[in-house]
Protein backbone atom coordinates (compact mmCIF):
# COMPACT_ATOMS: atom_id res chain seq x y z
CA UNK A 1 -0.23 0.01 0.24
CA UNK A 2 3.19 2.20 0.74
CA UNK A 3 4.65 1.53 -2.51
CA UNK A 4 1.97 2.62 -4.40
CA UNK A 5 0.92 5.29 -2.41
CA UNK A 6 5.30 6.33 -3.35
CA UNK A 7 5.25 5.21 -7.22
CA UNK A 8 1.33 7.86 -7.90
CA UNK A 9 3.07 10.91 -5.31
CA UNK A 10 4.00 13.44 -8.01
CA UNK A 11 7.38 15.19 -6.87
CA UNK A 12 6.65 18.80 -5.68
CA UNK A 13 7.76 21.29 -8.73
CA UNK A 14 10.86 22.55 -7.57
CA UNK A 15 11.62 18.33 -6.71
CA UNK A 16 10.72 18.17 -10.26
CA UNK A 17 13.38 17.85 -13.05
CA UNK A 18 12.46 20.24 -15.27
CA UNK A 19 14.27 22.84 -16.39
CA UNK A 20 13.18 25.83 -14.51
CA UNK A 21 12.93 24.05 -11.79
CA UNK A 22 16.64 22.97 -11.65
CA UNK A 23 17.52 27.08 -12.12
CA UNK A 24 15.59 27.66 -9.24
CA UNK A 25 16.42 24.50 -6.66
CA UNK A 26 20.25 26.61 -5.74
CA UNK A 27 18.65 29.68 -5.15
CA UNK A 28 16.23 28.17 -2.60
CA UNK A 29 19.17 26.11 -0.84
CA UNK A 30 20.56 29.66 -0.46
CA UNK A 31 17.43 31.59 0.47
CA UNK A 32 16.86 28.84 3.00
CA UNK A 33 20.24 28.66 4.32
CA UNK A 34 20.05 32.68 5.10
CA UNK A 35 16.92 32.27 6.66
CA UNK A 36 17.87 29.79 9.58
CA UNK A 37 21.55 31.49 9.86
CA UNK A 38 19.95 34.79 10.81
CA UNK A 39 18.57 33.38 13.75
CA UNK A 40 21.68 32.11 14.75
CA UNK A 41 23.11 35.79 14.02
CA UNK A 42 20.67 36.89 16.62
CA UNK A 43 21.67 34.25 19.44
CA UNK A 44 25.15 35.28 18.65
CA UNK A 45 24.34 38.95 18.85
CA UNK A 46 22.20 38.38 21.95
CA UNK A 47 25.07 36.63 23.55
CA UNK A 48 28.51 39.10 22.60
CA UNK A 49 25.78 42.21 24.30
CA UNK A 50 25.19 40.10 27.18
CA UNK A 51 28.71 39.16 27.68
CA UNK A 52 29.86 42.66 27.02
CA UNK A 53 27.51 43.97 29.59
CA UNK A 54 27.89 41.35 32.42
CA UNK A 55 30.73 40.72 35.34
CA UNK A 56 32.35 39.02 32.95
CA UNK A 57 32.96 42.53 30.57
CA UNK A 58 36.47 42.68 30.68
CA UNK A 59 36.85 38.63 29.32
CA UNK A 60 35.14 39.41 26.42
CA UNK A 61 38.14 42.60 24.99
CA UNK A 62 40.90 40.04 26.82
CA UNK A 63 39.72 37.05 24.83
CA UNK A 64 39.56 39.00 21.57
CA UNK A 65 42.38 41.03 22.24
CA UNK A 66 43.91 37.86 22.44
CA UNK A 67 47.27 37.49 20.16
CA UNK A 68 48.10 34.90 17.31
CA UNK A 69 51.12 34.53 15.64
CA UNK A 70 52.16 32.54 12.88
CA UNK A 71 56.28 32.04 11.63
CA UNK A 72 57.36 31.24 8.30
CA UNK A 73 60.76 31.33 7.25
CA UNK A 74 61.57 35.48 8.32
CA UNK A 75 57.80 35.78 7.63
CA UNK A 76 55.40 36.55 10.26
CA UNK A 77 51.44 37.29 10.43
CA UNK A 78 50.39 38.52 13.84
CA UNK A 79 47.00 39.85 14.83
CA UNK A 80 44.66 39.35 17.39
CA UNK A 81 41.51 36.84 17.12
CA UNK A 82 39.34 39.44 16.53
CA UNK A 83 40.85 40.89 12.82
CA UNK A 84 41.55 37.36 13.14
CA UNK A 85 38.28 37.31 12.46
CA UNK A 86 37.31 40.23 10.62
CA UNK A 87 40.74 39.85 7.62
CA UNK A 88 40.43 36.21 7.38
CA UNK A 89 37.05 34.61 8.55
CA UNK A 90 35.29 36.82 6.76
CA UNK A 91 37.55 36.07 3.73
CA UNK A 92 35.24 32.62 3.81
CA UNK A 93 32.13 34.98 3.67
CA UNK A 94 33.22 37.12 0.92
CA UNK A 95 33.60 34.36 -1.09
CA UNK A 96 29.96 32.76 -0.63
CA UNK A 97 29.54 36.61 -1.77
CA UNK A 98 31.37 36.54 -4.36
CA UNK A 99 30.51 33.17 -5.65
CA UNK A 100 26.79 34.00 -5.58
CA UNK A 101 27.45 37.02 -7.38
CA UNK A 102 28.86 35.15 -9.75
CA UNK A 103 26.14 32.73 -10.01
CA UNK A 104 23.79 35.72 -9.97
CA UNK A 105 25.68 37.54 -13.27
CA UNK A 106 25.71 33.88 -15.31
CA UNK A 107 22.73 31.84 -14.33
CA UNK A 108 20.91 34.12 -12.47
CA UNK A 109 18.36 36.66 -11.26
CA UNK A 110 21.62 39.41 -12.44
CA UNK A 111 21.67 38.19 -16.25
CA UNK A 112 18.32 38.96 -17.41
CA UNK A 113 18.61 43.34 -17.43
CA UNK A 114 15.14 43.88 -17.51
CA UNK A 115 13.79 41.67 -14.40
CA UNK A 116 17.34 43.42 -12.43
CA UNK A 117 16.65 46.79 -13.78
CA UNK A 118 14.06 47.13 -10.56
CA UNK A 119 16.09 46.05 -8.17
CA UNK A 120 19.06 47.53 -9.76
CA UNK A 121 17.50 51.47 -9.23
CA UNK A 122 16.10 49.67 -5.40
CA UNK A 123 19.82 48.74 -4.66
CA UNK A 124 21.00 52.50 -5.67
CA UNK A 125 18.45 54.35 -3.48
CA UNK A 126 18.87 51.81 -1.04
CA UNK A 127 23.19 53.02 -0.87
CA UNK A 128 22.66 56.94 -2.53
CA UNK A 129 20.02 58.37 0.02
CA UNK A 130 21.24 56.44 3.58
CA UNK A 131 24.98 57.95 2.99
CA UNK A 132 22.85 61.57 2.29
CA UNK A 133 21.21 61.18 4.60
CA UNK A 134 24.28 60.49 7.33
CA UNK A 135 26.37 63.24 5.73
CA UNK A 136 23.66 65.47 6.37
CA UNK A 137 22.85 64.41 10.49
CA UNK A 138 26.84 64.15 11.13
CA UNK A 139 28.75 66.52 9.24
CA UNK A 140 32.31 66.59 7.68
CA UNK A 141 34.45 65.89 10.91
CA UNK A 142 35.26 63.32 12.82
CA UNK A 143 32.51 60.88 12.57
CA UNK A 144 32.19 61.68 8.47
CA UNK A 145 33.95 58.71 7.39
CA UNK A 146 31.37 56.39 8.40
CA UNK A 147 29.10 57.62 5.53
CA UNK A 148 29.63 53.74 4.02
CA UNK A 149 27.97 52.19 7.27
CA UNK A 150 24.26 52.75 6.12
CA UNK A 151 24.65 51.59 2.93
CA UNK A 152 24.67 47.75 3.42
CA UNK A 153 21.91 45.42 4.25
CA UNK A 154 22.36 42.06 6.13
CA UNK A 155 20.95 38.81 3.86
CA UNK A 156 19.93 36.98 6.47
CA UNK A 157 18.54 39.07 8.93
CA UNK A 158 16.27 40.21 6.39
CA UNK A 159 15.41 37.29 4.36
CA UNK A 160 14.94 35.29 8.37
CA UNK A 161 12.36 38.09 8.92
CA UNK A 162 10.68 37.32 5.23
CA UNK A 163 11.06 33.69 6.07
CA UNK A 164 8.80 33.67 9.16
CA UNK A 165 5.83 35.96 7.84
CA UNK A 166 5.75 32.52 5.35
CA UNK A 167 2.91 32.51 2.98
CA UNK A 168 1.98 36.33 4.03
CA UNK A 169 5.02 37.69 1.96
CA UNK A 170 4.71 36.82 -2.19
CA UNK A 171 7.72 34.84 -3.02
CA UNK A 172 8.57 37.29 -6.46
CA UNK A 173 8.41 39.88 -2.57
CA UNK A 174 11.39 37.94 -1.05
CA UNK A 175 13.06 37.76 -4.84
CA UNK A 176 13.29 41.20 -5.06
CA UNK A 177 14.43 41.12 -1.92
CA UNK A 178 17.23 38.74 -1.94
CA UNK A 179 18.13 40.51 -5.48
CA UNK A 180 18.19 43.77 -3.85
CA UNK A 181 20.47 42.19 -1.42
CA UNK A 182 22.82 40.92 -3.49
CA UNK A 183 23.16 43.72 -5.61
CA UNK A 184 23.88 45.93 -2.70
CA UNK A 185 26.59 43.72 -1.65
CA UNK A 186 28.49 44.41 -4.76
CA UNK A 187 27.86 48.08 -3.87
CA UNK A 188 29.41 47.48 -0.37
CA UNK A 189 32.39 45.64 -1.63
CA UNK A 190 33.10 48.24 -3.91
CA UNK A 191 33.13 50.74 -1.44
CA UNK A 192 35.38 48.86 1.40
CA UNK A 193 38.03 48.49 -1.29
CA UNK A 194 37.40 52.04 -3.02
CA UNK A 195 37.19 54.23 0.25
CA UNK A 196 38.06 52.33 3.37
CA UNK A 197 41.29 50.88 2.27
CA UNK A 198 44.94 52.63 3.76
CA UNK A 199 48.14 53.11 1.89
CA UNK A 200 48.62 51.08 -0.82
CA UNK A 201 51.63 49.05 -1.82
CA UNK A 202 51.73 48.90 -5.72
CA UNK A 203 54.02 45.92 -5.86
CA UNK A 204 52.14 44.03 -3.42
CA UNK A 205 48.58 44.66 -5.82
CA UNK A 206 50.73 43.80 -8.74
CA UNK A 207 51.30 40.23 -6.99
CA UNK A 208 48.17 40.15 -6.28
CA UNK A 209 47.19 40.57 -9.80
CA UNK A 210 49.24 37.92 -11.00
CA UNK A 211 48.26 35.69 -8.42
CA UNK A 212 44.53 36.21 -9.67
CA UNK A 213 45.42 36.14 -13.28
CA UNK A 214 46.80 32.29 -12.36
CA UNK A 215 43.62 31.44 -10.89
CA UNK A 216 41.52 32.30 -13.69
CA UNK A 217 44.05 30.66 -16.00
CA UNK A 218 44.18 27.43 -13.44
CA UNK A 219 40.11 27.87 -14.10
CA UNK A 220 39.74 28.14 -17.44
CA UNK A 221 42.45 24.90 -18.16
CA UNK A 222 40.19 22.99 -15.83
CA UNK A 223 42.08 21.88 -12.73
CA UNK A 224 39.93 21.42 -10.04
CA UNK A 225 42.44 19.90 -7.52
CA UNK A 226 41.46 21.62 -4.10
CA UNK A 227 44.54 21.82 -2.63
CA UNK A 228 46.14 24.17 -5.43
CA UNK A 229 42.89 26.03 -5.45
CA UNK A 230 42.61 26.64 -2.16
CA UNK A 231 46.81 27.29 -1.66
CA UNK A 232 46.21 30.06 -4.20
CA UNK A 233 43.53 31.92 -2.73
CA UNK A 234 45.55 31.60 0.62
CA UNK A 235 48.87 33.21 -1.31
CA UNK A 236 45.98 35.72 -2.61
CA UNK A 237 44.74 36.92 0.87
CA UNK A 238 48.54 37.53 2.12
CA UNK A 239 49.43 39.04 -1.39
CA UNK A 240 46.12 41.35 -0.64
CA UNK A 241 46.05 42.02 3.16
CA UNK A 242 50.33 43.16 2.17
CA UNK A 243 49.28 45.48 -0.24
CA UNK A 244 46.88 47.34 2.10
CA UNK A 245 43.89 46.54 0.87
CA UNK A 246 41.00 44.88 2.70
CA UNK A 247 42.52 41.52 2.50
CA UNK A 248 38.64 40.51 2.43
CA UNK A 249 38.11 41.84 -1.52
CA UNK A 250 40.99 39.14 -1.90
CA UNK A 251 37.45 36.26 -1.17
CA UNK A 252 35.61 38.58 -3.66
CA UNK A 253 37.81 38.23 -6.52
CA UNK A 254 38.71 34.21 -5.80
CA UNK A 255 34.65 33.97 -5.83
CA UNK A 256 34.42 36.07 -8.75
CA UNK A 257 36.88 34.04 -11.07
CA UNK A 258 35.14 30.89 -10.38
CA UNK A 259 33.17 28.76 -12.76
CA UNK A 260 29.47 29.57 -13.24
CA UNK A 261 28.67 26.76 -15.80
CA UNK A 262 29.54 23.29 -15.72
CA UNK A 263 32.17 21.70 -17.38
CA UNK A 264 30.17 19.18 -18.46
CA UNK A 265 26.17 18.70 -19.38
CA UNK A 266 23.77 16.87 -17.26
CA UNK A 267 21.90 15.12 -20.25
CA UNK A 268 26.37 13.70 -20.83
CA UNK A 269 25.99 12.91 -17.13
CA UNK A 270 23.23 10.93 -17.40
CA UNK A 271 24.42 8.91 -20.15
CA UNK A 272 27.12 7.61 -18.09
CA UNK A 273 24.97 6.90 -15.20
CA UNK A 274 22.53 4.39 -18.23
CA UNK A 275 26.60 2.80 -18.63
CA UNK A 276 26.90 2.44 -14.92
CA UNK A 277 24.15 0.72 -14.90
CA UNK A 278 24.09 -1.19 -17.96
CA UNK A 279 27.72 -2.00 -17.53
CA UNK A 280 28.84 -5.50 -16.65
CA UNK A 281 33.00 -5.23 -16.46
CA UNK A 282 33.71 -1.53 -15.36
CA UNK A 283 37.12 -1.03 -14.29
CA UNK A 284 37.54 0.70 -11.11
CA UNK A 285 39.55 3.46 -13.13
CA UNK A 286 35.93 3.47 -15.18
CA UNK A 287 33.95 4.00 -12.16
CA UNK A 288 36.04 7.33 -10.72
CA UNK A 289 36.35 8.33 -14.20
CA UNK A 290 32.51 8.09 -14.82
CA UNK A 291 32.43 9.77 -11.02
CA UNK A 292 34.54 12.76 -12.59
CA UNK A 293 31.93 12.91 -15.63
CA UNK A 294 28.96 13.33 -13.47
CA UNK A 295 30.20 15.52 -10.63
CA UNK A 296 31.55 18.20 -13.44
CA UNK A 297 27.81 18.42 -14.31
CA UNK A 298 27.22 20.47 -11.27
CA UNK A 299 29.11 24.21 -11.45
CA UNK A 300 32.38 24.37 -9.56
CA UNK A 301 29.96 27.26 -7.55
CA UNK A 302 27.22 25.43 -6.99
CA UNK A 303 28.85 22.98 -5.81
CA UNK A 304 31.75 24.93 -3.58
CA UNK A 305 28.48 27.29 -2.31
CA UNK A 306 27.02 24.09 -1.60
CA UNK A 307 29.85 23.14 1.20
CA UNK A 308 30.71 26.73 2.23
CA UNK A 309 27.38 28.40 2.62
CA UNK A 310 26.32 27.04 5.84
CA UNK A 311 29.59 27.37 7.24
CA UNK A 312 29.73 31.04 6.74
CA UNK A 313 25.80 30.97 7.98
CA UNK A 314 26.42 29.13 10.79
CA UNK A 315 29.39 29.33 12.45
CA UNK A 316 31.78 32.45 10.29
CA UNK A 317 29.06 35.19 10.49
CA UNK A 318 28.25 34.06 14.14
CA UNK A 319 31.48 33.97 15.16
CA UNK A 320 31.90 37.83 13.57
CA UNK A 321 29.13 38.63 15.49
CA UNK A 322 30.22 37.24 19.04
CA UNK A 323 33.57 39.25 18.07
CA UNK A 324 31.86 42.59 17.13
CA UNK A 325 28.38 43.32 18.61
CA UNK A 326 29.72 42.84 21.81
CA UNK A 327 29.10 46.63 23.22
CA UNK A 328 28.68 48.47 26.44
CA UNK A 329 25.12 49.99 26.54
CA UNK A 330 24.88 52.65 28.94
CA UNK A 331 21.81 54.88 29.64
CA UNK A 332 24.49 57.67 28.89
CA UNK A 333 24.87 56.52 25.70
CA UNK A 334 21.09 56.79 24.93
CA UNK A 335 20.39 59.42 26.64
CA UNK A 336 22.40 61.72 24.92
CA UNK A 337 22.72 60.45 21.73
CA UNK A 338 25.97 61.25 19.55
CA UNK A 339 25.69 62.63 15.67
CA UNK A 340 26.90 59.73 14.79
CA UNK A 341 24.56 57.30 16.45
CA UNK A 342 21.56 59.38 15.26
CA UNK A 343 23.42 59.68 11.57
CA UNK A 344 23.75 55.69 11.38
CA UNK A 345 20.07 55.36 13.00
CA UNK A 346 17.93 56.98 10.80
CA UNK A 347 19.91 56.59 7.78
CA UNK A 348 19.32 52.86 8.10
CA UNK A 349 15.34 52.53 9.04
CA UNK A 350 14.23 55.78 7.22
CA UNK A 351 17.04 56.26 4.54
CA UNK A 352 16.84 52.75 3.45
CA UNK A 353 12.55 53.32 3.02
CA UNK A 354 13.11 56.10 1.54
CA UNK A 355 15.94 55.75 -0.76
CA UNK A 356 14.67 51.85 -2.26
CA UNK A 357 10.79 53.12 -2.37
CA UNK A 358 11.61 56.20 -4.35
CA UNK A 359 14.01 55.14 -6.96
CA UNK A 360 11.56 52.06 -7.00
CA UNK A 361 9.02 54.29 -8.06
CA UNK A 362 11.37 56.13 -10.33
CA UNK A 363 12.25 52.69 -12.23
CA UNK A 364 8.59 52.18 -13.27
CA UNK A 365 7.51 55.34 -13.84
CA UNK A 366 10.42 55.89 -16.30
CA UNK A 367 9.48 52.50 -18.09
CA UNK A 368 13.18 51.11 -17.00
CA UNK A 369 11.42 48.30 -14.73
CA UNK A 370 7.92 47.22 -13.28
CA UNK A 371 6.64 45.31 -10.38
CA UNK A 372 6.56 41.65 -10.56
CA UNK A 373 3.54 39.59 -10.18
CA UNK A 374 1.63 40.20 -6.81
CA UNK A 375 3.91 42.65 -6.27
CA UNK A 376 2.02 45.66 -4.35
CA UNK A 377 4.11 48.93 -3.49
CA UNK A 378 3.49 48.03 0.16
CA UNK A 379 5.68 45.70 -0.16
CA UNK A 380 8.26 47.78 -1.93
CA UNK A 381 8.26 49.64 1.13
CA UNK A 382 8.32 46.79 3.60
CA UNK A 383 11.36 45.09 1.77
CA UNK A 384 12.93 48.88 2.07
CA UNK A 385 12.61 49.35 6.01
CA UNK A 386 14.10 45.71 5.93
CA UNK A 387 16.81 47.00 3.78
CA UNK A 388 17.89 49.00 6.54
CA UNK A 389 18.78 45.49 8.43
CA UNK A 390 22.46 46.56 7.98
CA UNK A 391 24.01 45.20 10.61
CA UNK A 392 26.87 42.36 9.50
CA UNK A 393 28.50 44.26 6.69
CA UNK A 394 27.67 48.07 8.85
CA UNK A 395 29.37 46.41 11.00
CA UNK A 396 31.99 45.00 9.21
CA UNK A 397 32.55 48.42 7.40
CA UNK A 398 32.37 50.39 10.82
CA UNK A 399 35.08 48.88 12.21
CA UNK A 400 36.93 50.45 8.87
CA UNK A 401 35.53 53.87 9.04
CA UNK A 402 36.02 55.23 12.05
CA UNK A 403 39.60 56.14 13.30
CA UNK A 404 38.08 56.65 17.29
CA UNK A 405 37.24 53.30 18.95
CA UNK A 406 34.32 55.80 20.28
CA UNK A 407 32.71 56.56 17.20
CA UNK A 408 32.83 53.21 16.42
CA UNK A 409 30.31 51.85 19.37
CA UNK A 410 28.18 54.62 19.18
CA UNK A 411 27.64 53.71 15.20
CA UNK A 412 27.57 50.23 16.46
CA UNK A 413 24.52 50.94 18.78
CA UNK A 414 23.16 52.76 15.61
CA UNK A 415 23.23 49.80 13.94
CA UNK A 416 21.83 47.50 16.56
CA UNK A 417 18.65 50.27 17.32
CA UNK A 418 18.53 50.51 13.40
CA UNK A 419 18.10 47.08 13.02
CA UNK A 420 15.48 46.65 16.21
CA UNK A 421 13.44 49.33 14.68
CA UNK A 422 13.51 48.29 11.05
CA UNK A 423 12.69 44.95 11.72
CA UNK A 424 9.87 46.21 13.46
CA UNK A 425 8.60 48.64 10.90
CA UNK A 426 8.92 46.58 7.95
CA UNK A 427 6.94 43.72 9.64
CA UNK A 428 4.34 45.72 10.14
CA UNK A 429 4.31 46.76 6.49
CA UNK A 430 4.21 43.76 5.18
CA UNK A 431 1.85 42.68 7.47
CA UNK A 432 -0.67 45.03 6.58
CA UNK A 433 0.41 45.01 2.57
CA UNK A 434 -1.06 41.29 3.46
CA UNK A 435 -4.07 41.83 5.07
CA UNK A 436 -5.13 44.54 2.37
CA UNK A 437 -4.25 42.19 -0.86
CA UNK A 438 -6.19 39.44 1.15
CA UNK A 439 -9.64 42.14 1.72
CA UNK A 440 -8.85 43.01 -2.20
CA UNK A 441 -8.92 39.45 -3.60
CA UNK A 442 -11.96 38.49 -0.92
CA UNK A 443 -14.06 41.63 -2.16
CA UNK A 444 -13.00 40.55 -6.20
CA UNK A 445 -14.56 36.84 -5.48
């Protein structure tokens, strides 16, 4: 009886073999991991805040300032734990970001100019307007360098909130938010590389460019050795680190160089499976060759994202939050907030909403884009406010932007408060829009 039910059961669309379904499956896996990772990120953030404001607060600072030193011949690498997390571990986070951007450019939403027009305009507004709001509030004094802090959107947090709302947020709205956030990441990476880089060593930049070209050649000739690619990636990271450019850019470069097209078609892989099923006397070498061919039917981007994404979402980003979100919260800070705190908070909550909504309206108005099916302007306002959850990348940029630890702490408080307010307001807007859409559907019926 059970076998009959299984035989007659039809696979869901996403688990079917249709072309569109196969294209959507990596994106769905990415969204699910990001949403679940957002919950772990919240837990890590709360743990950091509790630790930093507890009787054991000194141990928080002491732990993350623990020195780590590695000597290789005459070369010495020395950083504290916090910088090791921010510079090295976050390089893996940006590697996944780079690969996701590459996949979207080659086989996803970003390859179609018409489909990407609306989220591109929305992302542009969500970067330009918050930066302008911040500058208007803070001015050009010591805190002025932090204009890049409110430009970021935290994909994990934002998608986690949307995931909790379930079916009340239409799938096209979720895809719009994801695409907006990915384009936002491209902008944030550019800002880090261009504006938050110290004095550069041209010779080491040349070395880094040479290594990157070698990586491109390695991929071009189909060298798939993980040891070779990881070794070159580490060398690239060291070259970028020594050049003065923030080393996480090396992760982005490695991600963008990773092939997003399979070396072999799925049809060829299926033919090999048929041979394996019908073959009687196959040697071990033939089986290994067949396994390699089947593996080649999945792009390197897809394989590595599937392998690394859970680690970055559930381990690396939470550890980053644990190392960076431990802010001492005092009554004086909140009672008399600095211009940096106000600037970051207002720019993330109000600036993001206005920027995303206004530039989206402009794109539709001039005919560059159109609202996806089932999307209302209330949805655009809602995701515009959720885009104000800058958190991970905002904290990251805050660590680069300010020379004063006090200003950095104020910015981080603004980021945390903005995340809470943006979550509440964005959720309220999306729920209200969902109720209006449901009421309109009943009246039409």
